[in-house]
Full PDB file with SEQRES, HELIX, SHEET, SSBOND, CRYST1, ORIGX, SCALE, CONECT and MASTER records, all heavy atoms in Angstrom:
SEQRES   1 A   34  ALA SER ASP GLY TYR GLY PHE LYS GLY PRO GLY GLU TRP          
SEQRES   2 A   34  ASP ALA SER ASN PRO ASP LYS TRP GLY VAL GLU SER TYR          
SEQRES   3 A   34  GLN TRP TRP PRO GLY SER MET VAL                              
SHEET    1 AA1 2 TYR A   5  LYS A   8  0                                        
SHEET    2 AA1 2 GLY A  22  SER A  25 -1                                        
CRYST1    1.000    1.000    1.000  90.00  90.00  90.00 P 1           1          
ORIGX1      1.000000  0.000000  0.000000        0.00000                         
ORIGX2      0.000000  1.000000  0.000000        0.00000                         
ORIGX3      0.000000  0.000000  1.000000        0.00000                         
SCALE1      1.000000  0.000000  0.000000        0.00000                         
SCALE2      0.000000  1.000000  0.000000        0.00000                         
SCALE3      0.000000  0.000000  1.000000        0.00000                         
ATOM      1  N   ALA A   1     -79.180 -11.990 154.539  1.00  0.00           N  
ATOM      2  CA  ALA A   1     -79.413 -10.883 153.620  1.00  0.00           C  
ATOM      3  C   ALA A   1     -79.211  -9.454 154.106  1.00  0.00           C  
ATOM      4  O   ALA A   1     -79.040  -8.575 153.337  1.00  0.00           O  
ATOM      5  CB  ALA A   1     -80.726 -11.029 152.988  1.00  0.00           C  
ATOM      6  N   SER A   2     -79.248  -9.272 155.433  1.00  0.00           N  
ATOM      7  CA  SER A   2     -79.184  -7.965 155.906  1.00  0.00           C  
ATOM      8  C   SER A   2     -77.804  -7.737 156.640  1.00  0.00           C  
ATOM      9  O   SER A   2     -77.308  -8.443 157.418  1.00  0.00           O  
ATOM     10  CB  SER A   2     -80.313  -7.768 157.073  1.00  0.00           C  
ATOM     11  OG  SER A   2     -80.107  -6.576 157.713  1.00  0.00           O  
ATOM     12  N   ASP A   3     -77.314  -6.543 156.276  1.00  0.00           N  
ATOM     13  CA  ASP A   3     -75.952  -6.165 156.844  1.00  0.00           C  
ATOM     14  C   ASP A   3     -76.226  -5.732 158.408  1.00  0.00           C  
ATOM     15  O   ASP A   3     -75.244  -5.725 159.038  1.00  0.00           O  
ATOM     16  CB  ASP A   3     -75.379  -4.897 156.163  1.00  0.00           C  
ATOM     17  CG  ASP A   3     -74.908  -5.252 154.727  1.00  0.00           C  
ATOM     18  OD1 ASP A   3     -74.704  -6.463 154.491  1.00  0.00           O  
ATOM     19  OD2 ASP A   3     -74.907  -4.426 153.857  1.00  0.00           O  
ATOM     20  N   GLY A   4     -77.463  -5.451 158.672  1.00  0.00           N  
ATOM     21  CA  GLY A   4     -77.751  -5.069 160.035  1.00  0.00           C  
ATOM     22  C   GLY A   4     -77.985  -6.233 161.049  1.00  0.00           C  
ATOM     23  O   GLY A   4     -77.988  -6.038 162.200  1.00  0.00           O  
ATOM     24  N   TYR A   5     -78.091  -7.444 160.499  1.00  0.00           N  
ATOM     25  CA  TYR A   5     -78.385  -8.540 161.380  1.00  0.00           C  
ATOM     26  C   TYR A   5     -77.015  -9.454 161.419  1.00  0.00           C  
ATOM     27  O   TYR A   5     -76.257  -9.465 160.490  1.00  0.00           O  
ATOM     28  CB  TYR A   5     -79.522  -9.474 160.801  1.00  0.00           C  
ATOM     29  CG  TYR A   5     -80.863  -8.814 160.773  1.00  0.00           C  
ATOM     30  CD1 TYR A   5     -81.875  -9.237 159.904  1.00  0.00           C  
ATOM     31  CD2 TYR A   5     -81.225  -7.821 161.697  1.00  0.00           C  
ATOM     32  CE1 TYR A   5     -83.077  -8.611 159.885  1.00  0.00           C  
ATOM     33  CE2 TYR A   5     -82.436  -7.168 161.682  1.00  0.00           C  
ATOM     34  CZ  TYR A   5     -83.379  -7.639 160.691  1.00  0.00           C  
ATOM     35  OH  TYR A   5     -84.617  -7.058 160.748  1.00  0.00           O  
ATOM     36  N   GLY A   6     -77.010 -10.306 162.464  1.00  0.00           N  
ATOM     37  CA  GLY A   6     -75.897 -11.214 162.581  1.00  0.00           C  
ATOM     38  C   GLY A   6     -76.318 -12.455 163.243  1.00  0.00           C  
ATOM     39  O   GLY A   6     -77.265 -12.491 164.175  1.00  0.00           O  
ATOM     40  N   PHE A   7     -75.768 -13.609 162.953  1.00  0.00           N  
ATOM     41  CA  PHE A   7     -76.072 -14.922 163.540  1.00  0.00           C  
ATOM     42  C   PHE A   7     -74.734 -15.665 163.822  1.00  0.00           C  
ATOM     43  O   PHE A   7     -73.933 -15.816 162.966  1.00  0.00           O  
ATOM     44  CB  PHE A   7     -77.003 -15.726 162.670  1.00  0.00           C  
ATOM     45  CG  PHE A   7     -77.078 -17.165 163.075  1.00  0.00           C  
ATOM     46  CD1 PHE A   7     -77.875 -17.510 164.203  1.00  0.00           C  
ATOM     47  CD2 PHE A   7     -76.476 -18.169 162.250  1.00  0.00           C  
ATOM     48  CE1 PHE A   7     -77.962 -18.840 164.550  1.00  0.00           C  
ATOM     49  CE2 PHE A   7     -76.638 -19.491 162.665  1.00  0.00           C  
ATOM     50  CZ  PHE A   7     -77.312 -19.824 163.815  1.00  0.00           C  
ATOM     51  N   LYS A   8     -74.734 -16.231 164.987  1.00  0.00           N  
ATOM     52  CA  LYS A   8     -73.525 -17.204 165.262  1.00  0.00           C  
ATOM     53  C   LYS A   8     -74.177 -18.430 165.787  1.00  0.00           C  
ATOM     54  O   LYS A   8     -74.888 -18.421 166.758  1.00  0.00           O  
ATOM     55  CB  LYS A   8     -72.611 -16.486 166.314  1.00  0.00           C  
ATOM     56  CG  LYS A   8     -71.930 -15.280 165.775  1.00  0.00           C  
ATOM     57  CD  LYS A   8     -70.845 -14.697 166.808  1.00  0.00           C  
ATOM     58  CE  LYS A   8     -70.160 -13.514 166.145  1.00  0.00           C  
ATOM     59  NZ  LYS A   8     -69.291 -12.867 167.205  1.00  0.00           N  
ATOM     60  N   GLY A   9     -73.890 -19.571 165.153  1.00  0.00           N  
ATOM     61  CA  GLY A   9     -74.478 -20.768 165.526  1.00  0.00           C  
ATOM     62  C   GLY A   9     -73.805 -21.473 166.777  1.00  0.00           C  
ATOM     63  O   GLY A   9     -72.819 -20.938 167.323  1.00  0.00           O  
ATOM     64  N   PRO A  10     -74.344 -22.611 167.113  1.00  0.00           N  
ATOM     65  CA  PRO A  10     -73.773 -23.302 168.222  1.00  0.00           C  
ATOM     66  C   PRO A  10     -72.253 -23.618 168.070  1.00  0.00           C  
ATOM     67  O   PRO A  10     -71.756 -24.035 166.986  1.00  0.00           O  
ATOM     68  CB  PRO A  10     -74.569 -24.733 168.193  1.00  0.00           C  
ATOM     69  CG  PRO A  10     -75.843 -24.393 167.492  1.00  0.00           C  
ATOM     70  CD  PRO A  10     -75.518 -23.382 166.501  1.00  0.00           C  
ATOM     71  N   GLY A  11     -71.557 -23.356 169.095  1.00  0.00           N  
ATOM     72  CA  GLY A  11     -70.088 -23.491 169.074  1.00  0.00           C  
ATOM     73  C   GLY A  11     -69.403 -22.325 168.648  1.00  0.00           C  
ATOM     74  O   GLY A  11     -68.225 -22.021 169.013  1.00  0.00           O  
ATOM     75  N   GLU A  12     -70.078 -21.440 167.875  1.00  0.00           N  
ATOM     76  CA  GLU A  12     -69.448 -20.220 167.451  1.00  0.00           C  
ATOM     77  C   GLU A  12     -69.714 -19.048 168.337  1.00  0.00           C  
ATOM     78  O   GLU A  12     -68.785 -18.133 168.549  1.00  0.00           O  
ATOM     79  CB  GLU A  12     -69.961 -19.982 165.918  1.00  0.00           C  
ATOM     80  CG  GLU A  12     -69.460 -18.622 165.340  1.00  0.00           C  
ATOM     81  CD  GLU A  12     -70.038 -18.343 164.017  1.00  0.00           C  
ATOM     82  OE1 GLU A  12     -71.009 -19.112 163.651  1.00  0.00           O  
ATOM     83  OE2 GLU A  12     -69.517 -17.514 163.241  1.00  0.00           O  
ATOM     84  N   TRP A  13     -70.942 -18.988 168.899  1.00  0.00           N  
ATOM     85  CA  TRP A  13     -71.253 -17.900 169.708  1.00  0.00           C  
ATOM     86  C   TRP A  13     -70.414 -17.972 171.101  1.00  0.00           C  
ATOM     87  O   TRP A  13     -69.985 -16.909 171.492  1.00  0.00           O  
ATOM     88  CB  TRP A  13     -72.756 -18.047 170.087  1.00  0.00           C  
ATOM     89  CG  TRP A  13     -73.249 -16.899 170.997  1.00  0.00           C  
ATOM     90  CD1 TRP A  13     -73.308 -16.888 172.330  1.00  0.00           C  
ATOM     91  CD2 TRP A  13     -73.790 -15.663 170.520  1.00  0.00           C  
ATOM     92  NE1 TRP A  13     -73.786 -15.697 172.765  1.00  0.00           N  
ATOM     93  CE2 TRP A  13     -74.121 -14.961 171.698  1.00  0.00           C  
ATOM     94  CE3 TRP A  13     -74.038 -15.014 169.244  1.00  0.00           C  
ATOM     95  CZ2 TRP A  13     -74.654 -13.674 171.719  1.00  0.00           C  
ATOM     96  CZ3 TRP A  13     -74.558 -13.717 169.344  1.00  0.00           C  
ATOM     97  CH2 TRP A  13     -74.886 -13.090 170.437  1.00  0.00           C  
ATOM     98  N   ASP A  14     -70.291 -19.158 171.578  1.00  0.00           N  
ATOM     99  CA  ASP A  14     -69.513 -19.347 172.810  1.00  0.00           C  
ATOM    100  C   ASP A  14     -68.766 -20.657 172.767  1.00  0.00           C  
ATOM    101  O   ASP A  14     -69.401 -21.682 172.862  1.00  0.00           O  
ATOM    102  CB  ASP A  14     -70.533 -19.374 174.082  1.00  0.00           C  
ATOM    103  CG  ASP A  14     -69.856 -19.427 175.296  1.00  0.00           C  
ATOM    104  OD1 ASP A  14     -68.680 -19.761 175.326  1.00  0.00           O  
ATOM    105  OD2 ASP A  14     -70.486 -19.334 176.372  1.00  0.00           O  
ATOM    106  N   ALA A  15     -67.474 -20.587 172.534  1.00  0.00           N  
ATOM    107  CA  ALA A  15     -66.642 -21.710 172.458  1.00  0.00           C  
ATOM    108  C   ALA A  15     -66.809 -22.690 173.613  1.00  0.00           C  
ATOM    109  O   ALA A  15     -66.500 -23.966 173.523  1.00  0.00           O  
ATOM    110  CB  ALA A  15     -65.196 -21.307 172.166  1.00  0.00           C  
ATOM    111  N   SER A  16     -67.021 -22.170 174.732  1.00  0.00           N  
ATOM    112  CA  SER A  16     -67.099 -22.995 175.969  1.00  0.00           C  
ATOM    113  C   SER A  16     -68.449 -23.628 176.128  1.00  0.00           C  
ATOM    114  O   SER A  16     -68.557 -24.453 176.997  1.00  0.00           O  
ATOM    115  CB  SER A  16     -66.811 -22.103 177.234  1.00  0.00           C  
ATOM    116  OG  SER A  16     -67.938 -21.087 177.417  1.00  0.00           O  
ATOM    117  N   ASN A  17     -69.415 -23.291 175.308  1.00  0.00           N  
ATOM    118  CA  ASN A  17     -70.736 -23.898 175.377  1.00  0.00           C  
ATOM    119  C   ASN A  17     -71.244 -24.191 173.897  1.00  0.00           C  
ATOM    120  O   ASN A  17     -71.751 -23.348 173.298  1.00  0.00           O  
ATOM    121  CB  ASN A  17     -71.789 -22.916 176.009  1.00  0.00           C  
ATOM    122  CG  ASN A  17     -73.096 -23.594 176.189  1.00  0.00           C  
ATOM    123  OD1 ASN A  17     -73.374 -24.608 175.765  1.00  0.00           O  
ATOM    124  ND2 ASN A  17     -73.907 -22.886 177.083  1.00  0.00           N  
ATOM    125  N   PRO A  18     -70.916 -25.485 173.485  1.00  0.00           N  
ATOM    126  CA  PRO A  18     -71.333 -25.845 172.112  1.00  0.00           C  
ATOM    127  C   PRO A  18     -72.762 -25.834 171.735  1.00  0.00           C  
ATOM    128  O   PRO A  18     -73.092 -25.860 170.537  1.00  0.00           O  
ATOM    129  CB  PRO A  18     -70.633 -27.181 171.952  1.00  0.00           C  
ATOM    130  CG  PRO A  18     -70.681 -27.758 173.382  1.00  0.00           C  
ATOM    131  CD  PRO A  18     -70.339 -26.527 174.256  1.00  0.00           C  
ATOM    132  N   ASP A  19     -73.680 -25.676 172.800  1.00  0.00           N  
ATOM    133  CA  ASP A  19     -75.047 -25.656 172.514  1.00  0.00           C  
ATOM    134  C   ASP A  19     -75.640 -24.260 172.361  1.00  0.00           C  
ATOM    135  O   ASP A  19     -76.825 -24.165 172.023  1.00  0.00           O  
ATOM    136  CB  ASP A  19     -75.783 -26.479 173.658  1.00  0.00           C  
ATOM    137  CG  ASP A  19     -75.457 -27.996 173.691  1.00  0.00           C  
ATOM    138  OD1 ASP A  19     -75.179 -28.420 172.567  1.00  0.00           O  
ATOM    139  OD2 ASP A  19     -75.514 -28.483 174.787  1.00  0.00           O  
ATOM    140  N   LYS A  20     -74.842 -23.289 172.611  1.00  0.00           N  
ATOM    141  CA  LYS A  20     -75.368 -21.918 172.669  1.00  0.00           C  
ATOM    142  C   LYS A  20     -75.215 -21.265 171.308  1.00  0.00           C  
ATOM    143  O   LYS A  20     -74.206 -21.519 170.693  1.00  0.00           O  
ATOM    144  CB  LYS A  20     -74.513 -21.053 173.654  1.00  0.00           C  
ATOM    145  CG  LYS A  20     -75.226 -19.825 174.071  1.00  0.00           C  
ATOM    146  CD  LYS A  20     -74.532 -19.129 175.233  1.00  0.00           C  
ATOM    147  CE  LYS A  20     -75.119 -18.006 175.774  1.00  0.00           C  
ATOM    148  NZ  LYS A  20     -74.455 -17.298 176.875  1.00  0.00           N  
ATOM    149  N   TRP A  21     -76.316 -20.598 170.862  1.00  0.00           N  
ATOM    150  CA  TRP A  21     -76.232 -19.729 169.698  1.00  0.00           C  
ATOM    151  C   TRP A  21     -76.982 -18.355 169.991  1.00  0.00           C  
ATOM    152  O   TRP A  21     -77.710 -18.120 170.819  1.00  0.00           O  
ATOM    153  CB  TRP A  21     -76.958 -20.514 168.508  1.00  0.00           C  
ATOM    154  CG  TRP A  21     -78.374 -20.799 168.783  1.00  0.00           C  
ATOM    155  CD1 TRP A  21     -78.944 -21.908 169.304  1.00  0.00           C  
ATOM    156  CD2 TRP A  21     -79.564 -19.976 168.481  1.00  0.00           C  
ATOM    157  NE1 TRP A  21     -80.302 -21.804 169.503  1.00  0.00           N  
ATOM    158  CE2 TRP A  21     -80.762 -20.625 168.916  1.00  0.00           C  
ATOM    159  CE3 TRP A  21     -79.725 -18.710 167.760  1.00  0.00           C  
ATOM    160  CZ2 TRP A  21     -81.989 -20.096 168.739  1.00  0.00           C  
ATOM    161  CZ3 TRP A  21     -80.984 -18.169 167.666  1.00  0.00           C  
ATOM    162  CH2 TRP A  21     -82.061 -18.862 168.091  1.00  0.00           C  
ATOM    163  N   GLY A  22     -76.659 -17.433 168.975  1.00  0.00           N  
ATOM    164  CA  GLY A  22     -77.262 -16.126 169.302  1.00  0.00           C  
ATOM    165  C   GLY A  22     -77.369 -15.307 168.040  1.00  0.00           C  
ATOM    166  O   GLY A  22     -76.825 -15.649 166.914  1.00  0.00           O  
ATOM    167  N   VAL A  23     -78.080 -14.244 168.184  1.00  0.00           N  
ATOM    168  CA  VAL A  23     -78.347 -13.252 167.094  1.00  0.00           C  
ATOM    169  C   VAL A  23     -78.005 -11.847 167.673  1.00  0.00           C  
ATOM    170  O   VAL A  23     -77.938 -11.592 168.827  1.00  0.00           O  
ATOM    171  CB  VAL A  23     -79.753 -13.269 166.477  1.00  0.00           C  
ATOM    172  CG1 VAL A  23     -80.076 -14.627 165.750  1.00  0.00           C  
ATOM    173  CG2 VAL A  23     -80.705 -13.143 167.689  1.00  0.00           C  
ATOM    174  N   GLU A  24     -77.769 -10.910 166.605  1.00  0.00           N  
ATOM    175  CA  GLU A  24     -77.437  -9.530 166.986  1.00  0.00           C  
ATOM    176  C   GLU A  24     -78.040  -8.542 165.907  1.00  0.00           C  
ATOM    177  O   GLU A  24     -78.245  -8.937 164.795  1.00  0.00           O  
ATOM    178  CB  GLU A  24     -75.981  -9.379 167.131  1.00  0.00           C  
ATOM    179  CG  GLU A  24     -75.125  -9.818 165.979  1.00  0.00           C  
ATOM    180  CD  GLU A  24     -73.720 -10.267 166.228  1.00  0.00           C  
ATOM    181  OE1 GLU A  24     -73.341 -10.423 167.503  1.00  0.00           O  
ATOM    182  OE2 GLU A  24     -73.005 -10.321 165.300  1.00  0.00           O  
ATOM    183  N   SER A  25     -78.026  -7.348 166.355  1.00  0.00           N  
ATOM    184  CA  SER A  25     -78.527  -6.298 165.334  1.00  0.00           C  
ATOM    185  C   SER A  25     -77.970  -4.916 165.794  1.00  0.00           C  
ATOM    186  O   SER A  25     -77.968  -4.593 166.990  1.00  0.00           O  
ATOM    187  CB  SER A  25     -80.007  -6.116 165.328  1.00  0.00           C  
ATOM    188  OG  SER A  25     -80.407  -5.100 164.434  1.00  0.00           O  
ATOM    189  N   TYR A  26     -77.389  -4.209 164.776  1.00  0.00           N  
ATOM    190  CA  TYR A  26     -76.837  -2.920 165.114  1.00  0.00           C  
ATOM    191  C   TYR A  26     -77.848  -1.794 164.871  1.00  0.00           C  
ATOM    192  O   TYR A  26     -78.721  -1.895 164.066  1.00  0.00           O  
ATOM    193  CB  TYR A  26     -75.610  -2.518 164.080  1.00  0.00           C  
ATOM    194  CG  TYR A  26     -74.300  -3.067 164.522  1.00  0.00           C  
ATOM    195  CD1 TYR A  26     -73.942  -4.345 163.955  1.00  0.00           C  
ATOM    196  CD2 TYR A  26     -73.489  -2.493 165.400  1.00  0.00           C  
ATOM    197  CE1 TYR A  26     -72.768  -4.869 164.465  1.00  0.00           C  
ATOM    198  CE2 TYR A  26     -72.319  -2.973 165.832  1.00  0.00           C  
ATOM    199  CZ  TYR A  26     -71.913  -4.156 165.318  1.00  0.00           C  
ATOM    200  OH  TYR A  26     -70.718  -4.735 165.709  1.00  0.00           O  
ATOM    201  N   GLN A  27     -77.836  -0.794 165.841  1.00  0.00           N  
ATOM    202  CA  GLN A  27     -78.934   0.359 165.774  1.00  0.00           C  
ATOM    203  C   GLN A  27     -78.224   1.641 166.207  1.00  0.00           C  
ATOM    204  O   GLN A  27     -77.211   1.590 166.954  1.00  0.00           O  
ATOM    205  CB  GLN A  27     -80.071  -0.098 166.678  1.00  0.00           C  
ATOM    206  CG  GLN A  27     -80.838  -1.375 166.289  1.00  0.00           C  
ATOM    207  CD  GLN A  27     -81.859  -1.812 167.290  1.00  0.00           C  
ATOM    208  OE1 GLN A  27     -82.517  -0.911 167.831  1.00  0.00           O  
ATOM    209  NE2 GLN A  27     -81.969  -3.028 167.607  1.00  0.00           N  
ATOM    210  N   TRP A  28     -78.930   2.767 165.975  1.00  0.00           N  
ATOM    211  CA  TRP A  28     -78.709   3.995 166.514  1.00  0.00           C  
ATOM    212  C   TRP A  28     -79.760   4.228 167.692  1.00  0.00           C  
ATOM    213  O   TRP A  28     -80.943   3.732 167.487  1.00  0.00           O  
ATOM    214  CB  TRP A  28     -78.895   5.167 165.478  1.00  0.00           C  
ATOM    215  CG  TRP A  28     -77.941   5.208 164.281  1.00  0.00           C  
ATOM    216  CD1 TRP A  28     -78.235   5.052 163.039  1.00  0.00           C  
ATOM    217  CD2 TRP A  28     -76.497   5.416 164.389  1.00  0.00           C  
ATOM    218  NE1 TRP A  28     -77.131   5.162 162.274  1.00  0.00           N  
ATOM    219  CE2 TRP A  28     -76.102   5.424 163.080  1.00  0.00           C  
ATOM    220  CE3 TRP A  28     -75.651   5.833 165.355  1.00  0.00           C  
ATOM    221  CZ2 TRP A  28     -74.671   5.686 162.683  1.00  0.00           C  
ATOM    222  CZ3 TRP A  28     -74.332   5.970 165.124  1.00  0.00           C  
ATOM    223  CH2 TRP A  28     -73.886   5.903 163.734  1.00  0.00           C  
ATOM    224  N   TRP A  29     -79.299   4.782 168.720  1.00  0.00           N  
ATOM    225  CA  TRP A  29     -80.322   5.187 169.744  1.00  0.00           C  
ATOM    226  C   TRP A  29     -80.115   6.621 170.179  1.00  0.00           C  
ATOM    227  O   TRP A  29     -78.973   6.956 170.455  1.00  0.00           O  
ATOM    228  CB  TRP A  29     -80.138   4.262 170.941  1.00  0.00           C  
ATOM    229  CG  TRP A  29     -81.312   4.546 171.916  1.00  0.00           C  
ATOM    230  CD1 TRP A  29     -82.544   3.916 171.885  1.00  0.00           C  
ATOM    231  CD2 TRP A  29     -81.338   5.493 173.043  1.00  0.00           C  
ATOM    232  NE1 TRP A  29     -83.226   4.426 172.913  1.00  0.00           N  
ATOM    233  CE2 TRP A  29     -82.647   5.386 173.655  1.00  0.00           C  
ATOM    234  CE3 TRP A  29     -80.484   6.420 173.387  1.00  0.00           C  
ATOM    235  CZ2 TRP A  29     -82.978   6.182 174.569  1.00  0.00           C  
ATOM    236  CZ3 TRP A  29     -80.852   7.210 174.546  1.00  0.00           C  
ATOM    237  CH2 TRP A  29     -82.093   7.111 175.128  1.00  0.00           C  
ATOM    238  N   PRO A  30     -81.141   7.441 170.133  1.00  0.00           N  
ATOM    239  CA  PRO A  30     -82.526   7.145 169.645  1.00  0.00           C  
ATOM    240  C   PRO A  30     -82.631   6.987 168.231  1.00  0.00           C  
ATOM    241  O   PRO A  30     -81.766   7.476 167.456  1.00  0.00           O  
ATOM    242  CB  PRO A  30     -83.318   8.351 170.169  1.00  0.00           C  
ATOM    243  CG  PRO A  30     -82.302   9.467 170.157  1.00  0.00           C  
ATOM    244  CD  PRO A  30     -80.969   8.904 170.462  1.00  0.00           C  
ATOM    245  N   GLY A  31     -83.716   6.210 167.748  1.00  0.00           N  
ATOM    246  CA  GLY A  31     -83.848   5.955 166.333  1.00  0.00           C  
ATOM    247  C   GLY A  31     -84.647   7.065 165.696  1.00  0.00           C  
ATOM    248  O   GLY A  31     -84.801   6.986 164.415  1.00  0.00           O  
ATOM    249  N   SER A  32     -85.357   7.930 166.439  1.00  0.00           N  
ATOM    250  CA  SER A  32     -86.105   9.000 165.847  1.00  0.00           C  
ATOM    251  C   SER A  32     -86.004  10.245 166.582  1.00  0.00           C  
ATOM    252  O   SER A  32     -86.014  10.251 167.831  1.00  0.00           O  
ATOM    253  CB  SER A  32     -87.652   8.511 165.775  1.00  0.00           C  
ATOM    254  OG  SER A  32     -88.039   8.290 167.048  1.00  0.00           O  
ATOM    255  N   MET A  33     -85.886  11.357 165.930  1.00  0.00           N  
ATOM    256  CA  MET A  33     -85.775  12.719 166.579  1.00  0.00           C  
ATOM    257  C   MET A  33     -86.594  13.711 165.804  1.00  0.00           C  
ATOM    258  O   MET A  33     -87.045  13.450 164.653  1.00  0.00           O  
ATOM    259  CB  MET A  33     -84.315  13.145 166.563  1.00  0.00           C  
ATOM    260  CG  MET A  33     -83.335  12.262 167.320  1.00  0.00           C  
ATOM    261  SD  MET A  33     -81.633  12.196 166.711  1.00  0.00           S  
ATOM    262  CE  MET A  33     -81.692  10.775 165.610  1.00  0.00           C  
ATOM    263  N   VAL A  34     -86.930  14.827 166.485  1.00  0.00           N  
ATOM    264  CA  VAL A  34     -87.878  15.898 165.863  1.00  0.00           C  
ATOM    265  C   VAL A  34     -87.144  17.167 165.930  1.00  0.00           C  
ATOM    266  O   VAL A  34     -86.613  17.554 166.948  1.00  0.00           O  
ATOM    267  CB  VAL A  34     -89.218  15.916 166.454  1.00  0.00           C  
ATOM    268  CG1 VAL A  34     -90.044  16.959 165.866  1.00  0.00           C  
ATOM    269  CG2 VAL A  34     -89.971  14.570 166.392  1.00  0.00           C  
TER     270      VAL A  34                                                      
MASTER        0    0    0    0    2    0    0    6  269    1    0    3          
END                                                                             
């Protein structure tokens, strides 16, 4: 549901390792300034 999150399942995250899966998130750094 979130454009900022991502998921790649087993076999998709790493073609050489069908058991591996992962998630990701885009951000600005720093996230707060004054």
